[in-house]
Amino acid sequence: MVAAGLQLVFGVQKIVNLACGSFYALGAYFGVTVVTRALAAGLPPPLFLVVLIAGGLALAAIGPIVERVLRPVYDRDESFQIILTFALVLMFEDITRFIWGSSPYQMGNVYLVYGQWKIGRLTVPVYNLIVIAAGGLIALGMGFVLSRTRFGRIVRATAENREMSEALGVDMRRIYARVFTLGTALGTVGGALVIPATAVTLDVAVEVIVEAFAVVVISGLGSMRGTFVGALLVGVLKAVAIAAYPELELLVIYVIVIAVLVLRPAGLFARAAA
């Protein structure tokens, strides 16, 4: 989801958004907070998933604010974009430390309220399967929005030819704000969905940035379908590495990225140049 948001923002706004990892981290921290308070207020445990998603969507309200900060570097060199978005990463990290402290945050075992599913000798929490299904549904929803709605057609036209879209009367500022907010929502909801089964730390933003960029490099810029396949590839290989030899977790990702850059620099699913 983070990689999809990164791909979407770059495809339309042509900006390298390093802050995508910070949105994920904020979604995770905020998700822990809202669920913990909701459960303390008497929320039935099975409904915590609804609160998580609602919290992630609500946090996406920071999208228009951040997008407004990034406007001065839209048409400037990529180095300015990287410097500014990395500065935002550091700022969000300090904000996170100020609000939640530096200790890891987690929700305990509340996600086990949905039970566990035994597959042979393996025991898989049902919540993990719910997250996988949610990711698939969000991918289908993104595909529908981009291909079947008026907003999606405008977004694709803008990504293809911004000058022509603007000449036809498209309000670029409004489109940019909406696209960036959608990208932000993908990150915040993604962080909120993952946090119940793990713990969130201050350095999670940088880790997610590395993985998101790896997915984009593998898939190729401009391909949302490629991003879906690239994310599956990175996720599965990372899981296999953790199960077989945890020390190879990051190395496996870097090896794939290097191989793609050497053999197919444009990415596995990049569109052919006209």
C-alpha atoms as a PDB file:
ATOM      1  CA  MET A   1       0.000   0.000   0.000  1.00  0.00           C
ATOM      2  CA  VAL A   2       2.861   2.374   0.775  1.00  0.00           C
ATOM      3  CA  ALA A   3       4.513   1.546  -2.542  1.00  0.00           C
ATOM      4  CA  ALA A   4       1.208   2.126  -4.351  1.00  0.00           C
ATOM      5  CA  GLY A   5       0.930   5.542  -2.732  1.00  0.00           C
ATOM      6  CA  LEU A   6       4.521   6.344  -3.697  1.00  0.00           C
ATOM      7  CA  GLN A   7       3.897   5.201  -7.262  1.00  0.00           C
ATOM      8  CA  LEU A   8       0.653   7.176  -7.536  1.00  0.00           C
ATOM      9  CA  VAL A   9       2.158  10.433  -6.264  1.00  0.00           C
ATOM     10  CA  PHE A  10       5.219  10.160  -8.466  1.00  0.00           C
ATOM     11  CA  GLY A  11       3.191   9.213 -11.526  1.00  0.00           C
ATOM     12  CA  VAL A  12       0.933  12.256 -11.270  1.00  0.00           C
ATOM     13  CA  GLN A  13       2.989  14.880  -9.458  1.00  0.00           C
ATOM     14  CA  LYS A  14       6.477  13.735 -10.479  1.00  0.00           C
ATOM     15  CA  ILE A  15       7.778  14.121  -6.951  1.00  0.00           C
ATOM     16  CA  VAL A  16       9.935  11.627  -5.055  1.00  0.00           C
ATOM     17  CA  ASN A  17       8.091  11.408  -1.748  1.00  0.00           C
ATOM     18  CA  LEU A  18      10.364   9.961   0.928  1.00  0.00           C
ATOM     19  CA  ALA A  19       7.772  10.909   3.533  1.00  0.00           C
ATOM     20  CA  CYS A  20       5.629   7.915   2.518  1.00  0.00           C
ATOM     21  CA  GLY A  21       7.292   5.856   5.247  1.00  0.00           C
ATOM     22  CA  SER A  22       6.418   8.490   7.839  1.00  0.00           C
ATOM     23  CA  PHE A  23       2.733   8.208   6.919  1.00  0.00           C
ATOM     24  CA  TYR A  24       2.951   4.477   7.571  1.00  0.00           C
ATOM     25  CA  ALA A  25       4.597   5.044  10.966  1.00  0.00           C
ATOM     26  CA  LEU A  26       2.068   7.700  11.969  1.00  0.00           C
ATOM     27  CA  GLY A  27      -0.780   5.385  10.980  1.00  0.00           C
ATOM     28  CA  ALA A  28       0.659   2.646  13.168  1.00  0.00           C
ATOM     29  CA  TYR A  29       1.179   4.858  16.220  1.00  0.00           C
ATOM     30  CA  PHE A  30      -2.186   6.549  15.830  1.00  0.00           C
ATOM     31  CA  GLY A  31      -3.854   3.174  15.343  1.00  0.00           C
ATOM     32  CA  VAL A  32      -2.485   1.894  18.647  1.00  0.00           C
ATOM     33  CA  THR A  33      -3.690   5.026  20.417  1.00  0.00           C
ATOM     34  CA  VAL A  34      -7.257   5.076  19.094  1.00  0.00           C
ATOM     35  CA  VAL A  35      -7.808   1.343  19.557  1.00  0.00           C
ATOM     36  CA  THR A  36      -6.390   1.351  23.080  1.00  0.00           C
ATOM     37  CA  ARG A  37      -8.654   4.223  24.086  1.00  0.00           C
ATOM     38  CA  ALA A  38     -11.669   2.725  22.337  1.00  0.00           C
ATOM     39  CA  LEU A  39     -11.212  -0.621  24.105  1.00  0.00           C
ATOM     40  CA  ALA A  40     -10.781   1.169  27.426  1.00  0.00           C
ATOM     41  CA  ALA A  41     -14.063   2.991  26.740  1.00  0.00           C
ATOM     42  CA  GLY A  42     -15.884  -0.322  26.310  1.00  0.00           C
ATOM     43  CA  LEU A  43     -15.595  -1.059  22.595  1.00  0.00           C
ATOM     44  CA  PRO A  44     -16.258  -4.760  21.842  1.00  0.00           C
ATOM     45  CA  PRO A  45     -12.840  -6.227  20.881  1.00  0.00           C
ATOM     46  CA  PRO A  46     -13.988  -7.596  17.471  1.00  0.00           C
ATOM     47  CA  LEU A  47     -14.752  -4.042  16.362  1.00  0.00           C
ATOM     48  CA  PHE A  48     -11.184  -2.838  16.813  1.00  0.00           C
ATOM     49  CA  LEU A  49     -10.542  -3.366  13.088  1.00  0.00           C
ATOM     50  CA  VAL A  50     -13.203  -0.794  12.199  1.00  0.00           C
ATOM     51  CA  VAL A  51     -11.600   1.712  14.567  1.00  0.00           C
ATOM     52  CA  LEU A  52      -8.176   1.037  13.049  1.00  0.00           C
ATOM     53  CA  ILE A  53      -9.337   1.714   9.518  1.00  0.00           C
ATOM     54  CA  ALA A  54     -11.289   4.800  10.582  1.00  0.00           C
ATOM     55  CA  GLY A  55      -8.238   6.116  12.432  1.00  0.00           C
ATOM     56  CA  GLY A  56      -6.002   5.580   9.406  1.00  0.00           C
ATOM     57  CA  LEU A  57      -8.453   7.343   7.117  1.00  0.00           C
ATOM     58  CA  ALA A  58      -8.855  10.236   9.542  1.00  0.00           C
ATOM     59  CA  LEU A  59      -5.086  10.687   9.772  1.00  0.00           C
ATOM     60  CA  ALA A  60      -4.954  11.106   5.990  1.00  0.00           C
ATOM     61  CA  ALA A  61      -6.167  14.650   6.682  1.00  0.00           C
ATOM     62  CA  ILE A  62      -2.498  15.636   6.986  1.00  0.00           C
ATOM     63  CA  GLY A  63      -2.133  14.923   3.253  1.00  0.00           C
ATOM     64  CA  PRO A  64      -3.330  18.314   1.961  1.00  0.00           C
ATOM     65  CA  ILE A  65      -1.116  20.090   4.517  1.00  0.00           C
ATOM     66  CA  VAL A  66       2.012  18.217   3.464  1.00  0.00           C
ATOM     67  CA  GLU A  67       1.126  18.625  -0.212  1.00  0.00           C
ATOM     68  CA  ARG A  68       0.940  22.376   0.272  1.00  0.00           C
ATOM     69  CA  VAL A  69       4.452  22.332   1.764  1.00  0.00           C
ATOM     70  CA  LEU A  70       5.774  20.406  -1.254  1.00  0.00           C
ATOM     71  CA  ARG A  71       4.332  22.677  -3.954  1.00  0.00           C
ATOM     72  CA  PRO A  72       7.453  24.896  -4.274  1.00  0.00           C
ATOM     73  CA  VAL A  73       9.579  21.906  -5.402  1.00  0.00           C
ATOM     74  CA  TYR A  74       7.194  20.325  -7.934  1.00  0.00           C
ATOM     75  CA  ASP A  75       9.035  21.620 -10.981  1.00  0.00           C
ATOM     76  CA  ARG A  76      12.516  21.691  -9.486  1.00  0.00           C
ATOM     77  CA  ASP A  77      15.348  19.191  -9.607  1.00  0.00           C
ATOM     78  CA  GLU A  78      14.832  15.849  -7.859  1.00  0.00           C
ATOM     79  CA  SER A  79      17.544  16.722  -5.349  1.00  0.00           C
ATOM     80  CA  PHE A  80      15.346  19.486  -3.907  1.00  0.00           C
ATOM     81  CA  GLN A  81      12.433  17.059  -3.626  1.00  0.00           C
ATOM     82  CA  ILE A  82      14.545  14.454  -1.864  1.00  0.00           C
ATOM     83  CA  ILE A  83      16.007  16.992   0.571  1.00  0.00           C
ATOM     84  CA  LEU A  84      12.600  18.447   1.452  1.00  0.00           C
ATOM     85  CA  THR A  85      10.796  15.115   1.801  1.00  0.00           C
ATOM     86  CA  PHE A  86      13.661  13.672   3.853  1.00  0.00           C
ATOM     87  CA  ALA A  87      13.433  16.735   6.080  1.00  0.00           C
ATOM     88  CA  LEU A  88       9.762  15.872   6.549  1.00  0.00           C
ATOM     89  CA  VAL A  89      10.775  12.334   7.559  1.00  0.00           C
ATOM     90  CA  LEU A  90      13.043  13.753  10.276  1.00  0.00           C
ATOM     91  CA  MET A  91      10.349  16.187  11.406  1.00  0.00           C
ATOM     92  CA  PHE A  92       7.704  13.479  11.635  1.00  0.00           C
ATOM     93  CA  GLU A  93      10.151  11.289  13.553  1.00  0.00           C
ATOM     94  CA  ASP A  94      10.638  14.057  16.120  1.00  0.00           C
ATOM     95  CA  ILE A  95       6.881  14.613  16.324  1.00  0.00           C
ATOM     96  CA  THR A  96       6.403  10.896  16.911  1.00  0.00           C
ATOM     97  CA  ARG A  97       9.068  10.855  19.617  1.00  0.00           C
ATOM     98  CA  PHE A  98       7.476  13.891  21.283  1.00  0.00           C
ATOM     99  CA  ILE A  99       3.964  12.387  21.341  1.00  0.00           C
ATOM    100  CA  TRP A 100       4.601   8.668  21.849  1.00  0.00           C
ATOM    101  CA  GLY A 101       8.169   8.527  23.151  1.00  0.00           C
ATOM    102  CA  SER A 102      11.007   6.349  21.895  1.00  0.00           C
ATOM    103  CA  SER A 103       9.843   2.989  23.239  1.00  0.00           C
ATOM    104  CA  PRO A 104       8.202   0.454  20.898  1.00  0.00           C
ATOM    105  CA  TYR A 105       4.403   0.522  20.776  1.00  0.00           C
ATOM    106  CA  GLN A 106       2.153  -2.487  20.359  1.00  0.00           C
ATOM    107  CA  MET A 107      -1.432  -3.546  20.966  1.00  0.00           C
ATOM    108  CA  GLY A 108      -0.825  -6.830  22.720  1.00  0.00           C
ATOM    109  CA  ASN A 109      -2.786  -9.864  21.574  1.00  0.00           C
ATOM    110  CA  VAL A 110      -6.061  -8.136  20.788  1.00  0.00           C
ATOM    111  CA  TYR A 111      -5.803  -9.298  17.168  1.00  0.00           C
ATOM    112  CA  LEU A 112      -6.233 -12.901  18.359  1.00  0.00           C
ATOM    113  CA  VAL A 113      -9.874 -12.111  19.092  1.00  0.00           C
ATOM    114  CA  TYR A 114     -10.569 -13.322  15.538  1.00  0.00           C
ATOM    115  CA  GLY A 115      -9.054 -16.693  16.362  1.00  0.00           C
ATOM    116  CA  GLN A 116      -6.451 -18.800  14.597  1.00  0.00           C
ATOM    117  CA  TRP A 117      -6.541 -21.087  11.598  1.00  0.00           C
ATOM    118  CA  LYS A 118      -4.585 -24.323  11.623  1.00  0.00           C
ATOM    119  CA  ILE A 119      -3.079 -25.401   8.303  1.00  0.00           C
ATOM    120  CA  GLY A 120      -1.350 -28.704   8.887  1.00  0.00           C
ATOM    121  CA  ARG A 121       1.321 -28.038  11.495  1.00  0.00           C
ATOM    122  CA  LEU A 122       1.089 -24.289  10.985  1.00  0.00           C
ATOM    123  CA  THR A 123      -1.101 -21.955  13.004  1.00  0.00           C
ATOM    124  CA  VAL A 124      -1.993 -18.703  11.277  1.00  0.00           C
ATOM    125  CA  PRO A 125      -3.861 -15.882  13.046  1.00  0.00           C
ATOM    126  CA  VAL A 126      -7.071 -15.119  11.184  1.00  0.00           C
ATOM    127  CA  TYR A 127      -6.250 -11.416  11.472  1.00  0.00           C
ATOM    128  CA  ASN A 128      -3.241 -11.928   9.196  1.00  0.00           C
ATOM    129  CA  LEU A 129      -5.550 -13.371   6.570  1.00  0.00           C
ATOM    130  CA  ILE A 130      -7.900 -10.417   7.033  1.00  0.00           C
ATOM    131  CA  VAL A 131      -5.007  -8.019   6.360  1.00  0.00           C
ATOM    132  CA  ILE A 132      -4.066  -9.938   3.215  1.00  0.00           C
ATOM    133  CA  ALA A 133      -7.677  -9.830   2.024  1.00  0.00           C
ATOM    134  CA  ALA A 134      -7.882  -6.118   2.848  1.00  0.00           C
ATOM    135  CA  GLY A 135      -4.767  -5.470   0.773  1.00  0.00           C
ATOM    136  CA  GLY A 136      -6.301  -7.302  -2.158  1.00  0.00           C
ATOM    137  CA  LEU A 137      -9.593  -5.421  -1.857  1.00  0.00           C
ATOM    138  CA  ILE A 138      -7.775  -2.090  -1.680  1.00  0.00           C
ATOM    139  CA  ALA A 139      -5.782  -3.013  -4.789  1.00  0.00           C
ATOM    140  CA  LEU A 140      -9.019  -3.848  -6.623  1.00  0.00           C
ATOM    141  CA  GLY A 141     -10.568  -0.626  -5.385  1.00  0.00           C
ATOM    142  CA  MET A 142      -7.590   1.378  -6.637  1.00  0.00           C
ATOM    143  CA  GLY A 143      -7.860  -0.315  -9.999  1.00  0.00           C
ATOM    144  CA  PHE A 144     -11.566   0.487 -10.212  1.00  0.00           C
ATOM    145  CA  VAL A 145     -11.081   4.135  -9.201  1.00  0.00           C
ATOM    146  CA  LEU A 146      -8.270   4.712 -11.691  1.00  0.00           C
ATOM    147  CA  SER A 147      -9.913   2.945 -14.621  1.00  0.00           C
ATOM    148  CA  ARG A 148     -13.678   3.348 -14.140  1.00  0.00           C
ATOM    149  CA  THR A 149     -14.275   6.724 -12.529  1.00  0.00           C
ATOM    150  CA  ARG A 150     -14.094  10.280 -13.816  1.00  0.00           C
ATOM    151  CA  PHE A 151     -11.498  11.137 -11.172  1.00  0.00           C
ATOM    152  CA  GLY A 152      -9.383   8.167 -12.245  1.00  0.00           C
ATOM    153  CA  ARG A 153      -9.519   9.167 -15.902  1.00  0.00           C
ATOM    154  CA  ILE A 154      -8.422  12.700 -14.993  1.00  0.00           C
ATOM    155  CA  VAL A 155      -5.582  11.319 -12.883  1.00  0.00           C
ATOM    156  CA  ARG A 156      -4.369   9.088 -15.713  1.00  0.00           C
ATOM    157  CA  ALA A 157      -4.628  11.934 -18.202  1.00  0.00           C
ATOM    158  CA  THR A 158      -2.692  14.207 -15.872  1.00  0.00           C
ATOM    159  CA  ALA A 159       0.017  11.605 -15.413  1.00  0.00           C
ATOM    160  CA  GLU A 160       0.259  11.194 -19.190  1.00  0.00           C
ATOM    161  CA  ASN A 161       0.277  14.876 -20.172  1.00  0.00           C
ATOM    162  CA  ARG A 162      -0.022  17.498 -17.476  1.00  0.00           C
ATOM    163  CA  GLU A 163       0.145  20.488 -19.834  1.00  0.00           C
ATOM    164  CA  MET A 164      -2.676  19.224 -22.045  1.00  0.00           C
ATOM    165  CA  SER A 165      -4.846  18.372 -19.034  1.00  0.00           C
ATOM    166  CA  GLU A 166      -4.331  21.839 -17.619  1.00  0.00           C
ATOM    167  CA  ALA A 167      -5.147  23.391 -21.001  1.00  0.00           C
ATOM    168  CA  LEU A 168      -8.426  21.454 -21.027  1.00  0.00           C
ATOM    169  CA  GLY A 169      -9.452  23.051 -17.749  1.00  0.00           C
ATOM    170  CA  VAL A 170      -8.271  20.564 -15.130  1.00  0.00           C
ATOM    171  CA  ASP A 171      -7.617  22.245 -11.783  1.00  0.00           C
ATOM    172  CA  MET A 172      -4.113  20.907 -11.139  1.00  0.00           C
ATOM    173  CA  ARG A 173      -3.909  22.123  -7.550  1.00  0.00           C
ATOM    174  CA  ARG A 174      -7.098  20.283  -6.634  1.00  0.00           C
ATOM    175  CA  ILE A 175      -6.004  17.107  -8.438  1.00  0.00           C
ATOM    176  CA  TYR A 176      -2.579  17.223  -6.800  1.00  0.00           C
ATOM    177  CA  ALA A 177      -4.136  17.677  -3.359  1.00  0.00           C
ATOM    178  CA  ARG A 178      -6.544  14.769  -3.888  1.00  0.00           C
ATOM    179  CA  VAL A 179      -3.894  12.445  -5.313  1.00  0.00           C
ATOM    180  CA  PHE A 180      -1.465  13.213  -2.505  1.00  0.00           C
ATOM    181  CA  THR A 181      -4.203  12.702   0.081  1.00  0.00           C
ATOM    182  CA  LEU A 182      -5.040   9.346  -1.486  1.00  0.00           C
ATOM    183  CA  GLY A 183      -1.371   8.378  -1.375  1.00  0.00           C
ATOM    184  CA  THR A 184      -1.226   9.483   2.264  1.00  0.00           C
ATOM    185  CA  ALA A 185      -4.311   7.412   3.105  1.00  0.00           C
ATOM    186  CA  LEU A 186      -2.718   4.308   1.596  1.00  0.00           C
ATOM    187  CA  GLY A 187       0.243   4.787   3.928  1.00  0.00           C
ATOM    188  CA  THR A 188      -1.664   5.607   7.106  1.00  0.00           C
ATOM    189  CA  VAL A 189      -4.234   2.827   6.641  1.00  0.00           C
ATOM    190  CA  GLY A 190      -1.438   0.388   5.801  1.00  0.00           C
ATOM    191  CA  GLY A 191       0.389   1.229   9.021  1.00  0.00           C
ATOM    192  CA  ALA A 192      -2.809   0.964  11.038  1.00  0.00           C
ATOM    193  CA  LEU A 193      -3.666  -2.457   9.599  1.00  0.00           C
ATOM    194  CA  VAL A 194      -0.245  -3.965  10.269  1.00  0.00           C
ATOM    195  CA  ILE A 195       0.318  -2.720  13.831  1.00  0.00           C
ATOM    196  CA  PRO A 196      -1.954  -5.216  15.700  1.00  0.00           C
ATOM    197  CA  ALA A 197       0.278  -8.161  14.767  1.00  0.00           C
ATOM    198  CA  THR A 198       3.615  -6.429  15.354  1.00  0.00           C
ATOM    199  CA  ALA A 199       5.252  -3.502  17.148  1.00  0.00           C
ATOM    200  CA  VAL A 200       6.082  -0.051  15.817  1.00  0.00           C
ATOM    201  CA  THR A 201       9.386   1.712  16.501  1.00  0.00           C
ATOM    202  CA  LEU A 202      10.859   5.060  15.509  1.00  0.00           C
ATOM    203  CA  ASP A 203      12.973   3.560  12.731  1.00  0.00           C
ATOM    204  CA  VAL A 204      10.054   1.832  10.998  1.00  0.00           C
ATOM    205  CA  ALA A 205       9.601   4.789   8.640  1.00  0.00           C
ATOM    206  CA  VAL A 206      13.049   4.341   7.105  1.00  0.00           C
ATOM    207  CA  GLU A 207      12.564   0.580   6.803  1.00  0.00           C
ATOM    208  CA  VAL A 208       9.290   1.055   4.954  1.00  0.00           C
ATOM    209  CA  ILE A 209      10.846   3.687   2.661  1.00  0.00           C
ATOM    210  CA  VAL A 210      13.532   1.193   1.622  1.00  0.00           C
ATOM    211  CA  GLU A 211      10.985  -1.535   0.894  1.00  0.00           C
ATOM    212  CA  ALA A 212       8.606   0.822  -0.937  1.00  0.00           C
ATOM    213  CA  PHE A 213      11.362   2.114  -3.195  1.00  0.00           C
ATOM    214  CA  ALA A 214      12.513  -1.448  -3.811  1.00  0.00           C
ATOM    215  CA  VAL A 215       9.008  -2.334  -4.999  1.00  0.00           C
ATOM    216  CA  VAL A 216       8.875   0.714  -7.285  1.00  0.00           C
ATOM    217  CA  VAL A 217      12.314  -0.037  -8.743  1.00  0.00           C
ATOM    218  CA  ILE A 218      11.345  -3.650  -9.414  1.00  0.00           C
ATOM    219  CA  SER A 219       7.953  -2.824 -10.923  1.00  0.00           C
ATOM    220  CA  GLY A 220       9.017   0.248 -12.879  1.00  0.00           C
ATOM    221  CA  LEU A 221       7.709   3.793 -12.642  1.00  0.00           C
ATOM    222  CA  GLY A 222       4.192   4.327 -13.939  1.00  0.00           C
ATOM    223  CA  SER A 223       2.840   0.791 -13.471  1.00  0.00           C
ATOM    224  CA  MET A 224       0.306   0.286 -10.668  1.00  0.00           C
ATOM    225  CA  ARG A 225      -0.211  -3.348 -11.663  1.00  0.00           C
ATOM    226  CA  GLY A 226       3.530  -3.809 -11.588  1.00  0.00           C
ATOM    227  CA  THR A 227       3.587  -2.318  -8.100  1.00  0.00           C
ATOM    228  CA  PHE A 228       1.122  -4.969  -6.934  1.00  0.00           C
ATOM    229  CA  VAL A 229       3.249  -7.779  -8.378  1.00  0.00           C
ATOM    230  CA  GLY A 230       6.480  -6.211  -7.102  1.00  0.00           C
ATOM    231  CA  ALA A 231       5.048  -5.889  -3.602  1.00  0.00           C
ATOM    232  CA  LEU A 232       4.012  -9.546  -3.632  1.00  0.00           C
ATOM    233  CA  LEU A 233       7.490 -10.543  -4.816  1.00  0.00           C
ATOM    234  CA  VAL A 234       9.276  -8.515  -2.156  1.00  0.00           C
ATOM    235  CA  GLY A 235       6.885  -9.599   0.597  1.00  0.00           C
ATOM    236  CA  VAL A 236       7.043 -13.311  -0.183  1.00  0.00           C
ATOM    237  CA  LEU A 237      10.831 -13.401  -0.583  1.00  0.00           C
ATOM    238  CA  LYS A 238      11.272 -11.381   2.618  1.00  0.00           C
ATOM    239  CA  ALA A 239       9.038 -13.838   4.503  1.00  0.00           C
ATOM    240  CA  VAL A 240      10.948 -16.818   3.107  1.00  0.00           C
ATOM    241  CA  ALA A 241      14.245 -15.218   4.100  1.00  0.00           C
ATOM    242  CA  ILE A 242      13.003 -14.571   7.643  1.00  0.00           C
ATOM    243  CA  ALA A 243      11.845 -18.175   7.966  1.00  0.00           C
ATOM    244  CA  ALA A 244      14.990 -19.705   6.473  1.00  0.00           C
ATOM    245  CA  TYR A 245      17.780 -17.334   7.531  1.00  0.00           C
ATOM    246  CA  PRO A 246      16.696 -14.037   9.170  1.00  0.00           C
ATOM    247  CA  GLU A 247      20.052 -12.342   8.548  1.00  0.00           C
ATOM    248  CA  LEU A 248      19.276 -12.358   4.809  1.00  0.00           C
ATOM    249  CA  GLU A 249      16.015 -10.409   5.181  1.00  0.00           C
ATOM    250  CA  LEU A 250      17.270  -7.103   3.735  1.00  0.00           C
ATOM    251  CA  LEU A 251      20.000  -8.641   1.598  1.00  0.00           C
ATOM    252  CA  VAL A 252      17.421 -10.537  -0.467  1.00  0.00           C
ATOM    253  CA  ILE A 253      15.613  -7.287  -1.297  1.00  0.00           C
ATOM    254  CA  TYR A 254      18.833  -5.517  -2.267  1.00  0.00           C
ATOM    255  CA  VAL A 255      19.915  -8.418  -4.473  1.00  0.00           C
ATOM    256  CA  ILE A 256      16.611  -8.302  -6.365  1.00  0.00           C
ATOM    257  CA  VAL A 257      16.854  -4.539  -6.815  1.00  0.00           C
ATOM    258  CA  ILE A 258      20.439  -4.769  -8.078  1.00  0.00           C
ATOM    259  CA  ALA A 259      19.519  -7.554 -10.496  1.00  0.00           C
ATOM    260  CA  VAL A 260      16.601  -5.535 -11.902  1.00  0.00           C
ATOM    261  CA  LEU A 261      18.723  -2.396 -12.246  1.00  0.00           C
ATOM    262  CA  VAL A 262      21.407  -4.336 -14.130  1.00  0.00           C
ATOM    263  CA  LEU A 263      19.182  -6.458 -16.356  1.00  0.00           C
ATOM    264  CA  ARG A 264      16.170  -4.176 -16.834  1.00  0.00           C
ATOM    265  CA  PRO A 265      16.852  -0.654 -15.517  1.00  0.00           C
ATOM    266  CA  ALA A 266      13.368   0.616 -16.384  1.00  0.00           C
ATOM    267  CA  GLY A 267      11.722  -2.054 -14.211  1.00  0.00           C
ATOM    268  CA  LEU A 268       9.976  -5.317 -14.964  1.00  0.00           C
ATOM    269  CA  PHE A 269       6.643  -3.716 -15.862  1.00  0.00           C
ATOM    270  CA  ALA A 270       7.701  -0.321 -17.155  1.00  0.00           C
ATOM    271  CA  ARG A 271       5.840   0.938 -20.206  1.00  0.00           C
ATOM    272  CA  ALA A 272       7.786   1.025 -23.420  1.00  0.00           C
ATOM    273  CA  ALA A 273       8.990   4.444 -24.465  1.00  0.00           C
ATOM    274  CA  ALA A 274       7.121   5.991 -27.386  1.00  0.00           C
END
